[in-house]
Amino acid sequence: MAPAAAAPGMCICVDCRWVDQCQAYHAVERQHGVPHLSGEPAFVPQQPQIHVQVIDLPQGQVGVEWDVRACGSFAADPGRWLRLCPDQALPT
């Protein structure tokens, strides 16, 4: 089975049933320097495809954006991240 894919420029994890238990999303959180949904996620996803993009920032700085764009373990659960973190802005 081919990995499920996201719309261009979007991380699919925010709408996945496994987001709070997933080791791939944990790695993305670490790269973004944000608090983890789980300290020790146990779920090992199949075929996660992490897209890394170098972006230009104001004042000549450079940033890096990390997104899971496809994953063989993706299980659709629209809005899961927002339900887990209702007082936070959806990560972009």
C-alpha atoms as a PDB file:
ATOM      1  CA  MET A   1       0.000   0.000   0.000  1.00  0.00           C
ATOM      2  CA  ALA A   2       1.342   3.452  -0.916  1.00  0.00           C
ATOM      3  CA  PRO A   3       1.786   5.942   1.926  1.00  0.00           C
ATOM      4  CA  ALA A   4      -1.018   8.460   2.413  1.00  0.00           C
ATOM      5  CA  ALA A   5       0.032  11.905   1.210  1.00  0.00           C
ATOM      6  CA  ALA A   6      -0.756  15.446   2.332  1.00  0.00           C
ATOM      7  CA  ALA A   7      -1.731  18.492   0.383  1.00  0.00           C
ATOM      8  CA  PRO A   8       1.366  20.396  -0.770  1.00  0.00           C
ATOM      9  CA  GLY A   9       3.045  22.230   2.105  1.00  0.00           C
ATOM     10  CA  MET A  10       1.076  20.529   4.862  1.00  0.00           C
ATOM     11  CA  CYS A  11       2.033  18.095   7.630  1.00  0.00           C
ATOM     12  CA  ILE A  12      -0.434  15.201   7.701  1.00  0.00           C
ATOM     13  CA  CYS A  13       0.233  14.399  11.354  1.00  0.00           C
ATOM     14  CA  VAL A  14      -2.219  16.979  12.704  1.00  0.00           C
ATOM     15  CA  ASP A  15      -5.069  14.906  11.252  1.00  0.00           C
ATOM     16  CA  CYS A  16      -3.716  11.455  12.166  1.00  0.00           C
ATOM     17  CA  ARG A  17      -4.999   9.163  14.896  1.00  0.00           C
ATOM     18  CA  TRP A  18      -1.385   8.409  15.961  1.00  0.00           C
ATOM     19  CA  VAL A  19      -0.060  12.001  16.294  1.00  0.00           C
ATOM     20  CA  ASP A  20       0.360  11.915  20.085  1.00  0.00           C
ATOM     21  CA  GLN A  21       2.027   8.477  20.076  1.00  0.00           C
ATOM     22  CA  CYS A  22       4.169   8.684  16.913  1.00  0.00           C
ATOM     23  CA  GLN A  23       7.955   8.631  16.847  1.00  0.00           C
ATOM     24  CA  ALA A  24       8.091  10.454  13.477  1.00  0.00           C
ATOM     25  CA  TYR A  25       5.956  13.346  14.742  1.00  0.00           C
ATOM     26  CA  HIS A  26       8.074  13.421  17.911  1.00  0.00           C
ATOM     27  CA  ALA A  27      11.148  13.966  15.697  1.00  0.00           C
ATOM     28  CA  VAL A  28       9.379  16.820  13.878  1.00  0.00           C
ATOM     29  CA  GLU A  29       8.454  18.414  17.228  1.00  0.00           C
ATOM     30  CA  ARG A  30      12.107  18.159  18.319  1.00  0.00           C
ATOM     31  CA  GLN A  31      13.309  19.871  15.123  1.00  0.00           C
ATOM     32  CA  HIS A  32      10.765  22.676  15.601  1.00  0.00           C
ATOM     33  CA  GLY A  33      11.776  23.110  19.254  1.00  0.00           C
ATOM     34  CA  VAL A  34       8.203  22.783  20.514  1.00  0.00           C
ATOM     35  CA  PRO A  35       6.856  20.825  23.501  1.00  0.00           C
ATOM     36  CA  HIS A  36       6.196  17.166  22.801  1.00  0.00           C
ATOM     37  CA  LEU A  37       2.708  15.676  22.893  1.00  0.00           C
ATOM     38  CA  SER A  38       4.323  12.583  24.428  1.00  0.00           C
ATOM     39  CA  GLY A  39       7.618  12.230  26.255  1.00  0.00           C
ATOM     40  CA  GLU A  40       8.200   8.706  24.989  1.00  0.00           C
ATOM     41  CA  PRO A  41       6.049   7.843  21.965  1.00  0.00           C
ATOM     42  CA  ALA A  42       5.799   4.108  21.338  1.00  0.00           C
ATOM     43  CA  PHE A  43       4.208   4.051  17.882  1.00  0.00           C
ATOM     44  CA  VAL A  44       6.689   3.323  15.068  1.00  0.00           C
ATOM     45  CA  PRO A  45       5.157   4.508  11.783  1.00  0.00           C
ATOM     46  CA  GLN A  46       5.675   2.666   8.511  1.00  0.00           C
ATOM     47  CA  GLN A  47       7.325   4.581   5.669  1.00  0.00           C
ATOM     48  CA  PRO A  48       7.082   8.136   7.043  1.00  0.00           C
ATOM     49  CA  GLN A  49       8.312  10.660   4.497  1.00  0.00           C
ATOM     50  CA  ILE A  50       9.620  13.785   6.208  1.00  0.00           C
ATOM     51  CA  HIS A  51       9.939  16.800   3.930  1.00  0.00           C
ATOM     52  CA  VAL A  52      12.673  19.233   4.963  1.00  0.00           C
ATOM     53  CA  GLN A  53      12.565  22.687   3.397  1.00  0.00           C
ATOM     54  CA  VAL A  54      15.060  25.524   3.786  1.00  0.00           C
ATOM     55  CA  ILE A  55      13.232  28.867   3.873  1.00  0.00           C
ATOM     56  CA  ASP A  56      14.336  32.487   3.735  1.00  0.00           C
ATOM     57  CA  LEU A  57      13.455  34.512   6.823  1.00  0.00           C
ATOM     58  CA  PRO A  58      13.454  38.277   7.355  1.00  0.00           C
ATOM     59  CA  GLN A  59      16.789  40.066   7.745  1.00  0.00           C
ATOM     60  CA  GLY A  60      18.680  37.519   5.643  1.00  0.00           C
ATOM     61  CA  GLN A  61      18.221  34.640   8.065  1.00  0.00           C
ATOM     62  CA  VAL A  62      17.480  31.058   7.067  1.00  0.00           C
ATOM     63  CA  GLY A  63      15.020  28.635   8.657  1.00  0.00           C
ATOM     64  CA  VAL A  64      14.203  24.972   8.239  1.00  0.00           C
ATOM     65  CA  GLU A  65      10.660  23.602   8.030  1.00  0.00           C
ATOM     66  CA  TRP A  66       9.973  19.930   8.782  1.00  0.00           C
ATOM     67  CA  ASP A  67       6.717  18.207   7.781  1.00  0.00           C
ATOM     68  CA  VAL A  68       5.582  14.607   7.457  1.00  0.00           C
ATOM     69  CA  ARG A  69       4.063  14.637   3.983  1.00  0.00           C
ATOM     70  CA  ALA A  70       3.303  10.929   3.568  1.00  0.00           C
ATOM     71  CA  CYS A  71       3.116   7.888   5.844  1.00  0.00           C
ATOM     72  CA  GLY A  72       2.114   4.265   5.418  1.00  0.00           C
ATOM     73  CA  SER A  73       0.593   4.276   8.912  1.00  0.00           C
ATOM     74  CA  PHE A  74      -1.555   7.388   8.461  1.00  0.00           C
ATOM     75  CA  ALA A  75      -5.005   6.857  10.005  1.00  0.00           C
ATOM     76  CA  ALA A  76      -7.313   9.784   9.274  1.00  0.00           C
ATOM     77  CA  ASP A  77      -8.707  11.495  12.360  1.00  0.00           C
ATOM     78  CA  PRO A  78      -9.423  15.061  11.212  1.00  0.00           C
ATOM     79  CA  GLY A  79      -8.782  17.633  13.924  1.00  0.00           C
ATOM     80  CA  ARG A  80      -7.013  15.244  16.323  1.00  0.00           C
ATOM     81  CA  TRP A  81      -4.126  17.609  17.108  1.00  0.00           C
ATOM     82  CA  LEU A  82      -6.560  20.467  17.783  1.00  0.00           C
ATOM     83  CA  ARG A  83      -8.569  18.279  20.167  1.00  0.00           C
ATOM     84  CA  LEU A  84      -5.378  17.348  22.032  1.00  0.00           C
ATOM     85  CA  CYS A  85      -4.198  20.983  22.192  1.00  0.00           C
ATOM     86  CA  PRO A  86      -7.381  23.089  22.176  1.00  0.00           C
ATOM     87  CA  ASP A  87      -5.716  26.262  23.473  1.00  0.00           C
ATOM     88  CA  GLN A  88      -2.861  26.249  20.954  1.00  0.00           C
ATOM     89  CA  ALA A  89      -2.568  27.412  17.364  1.00  0.00           C
ATOM     90  CA  LEU A  90      -2.372  24.658  14.764  1.00  0.00           C
ATOM     91  CA  PRO A  91       1.291  24.163  13.788  1.00  0.00           C
ATOM     92  CA  THR A  92       2.173  25.344  10.305  1.00  0.00           C
END
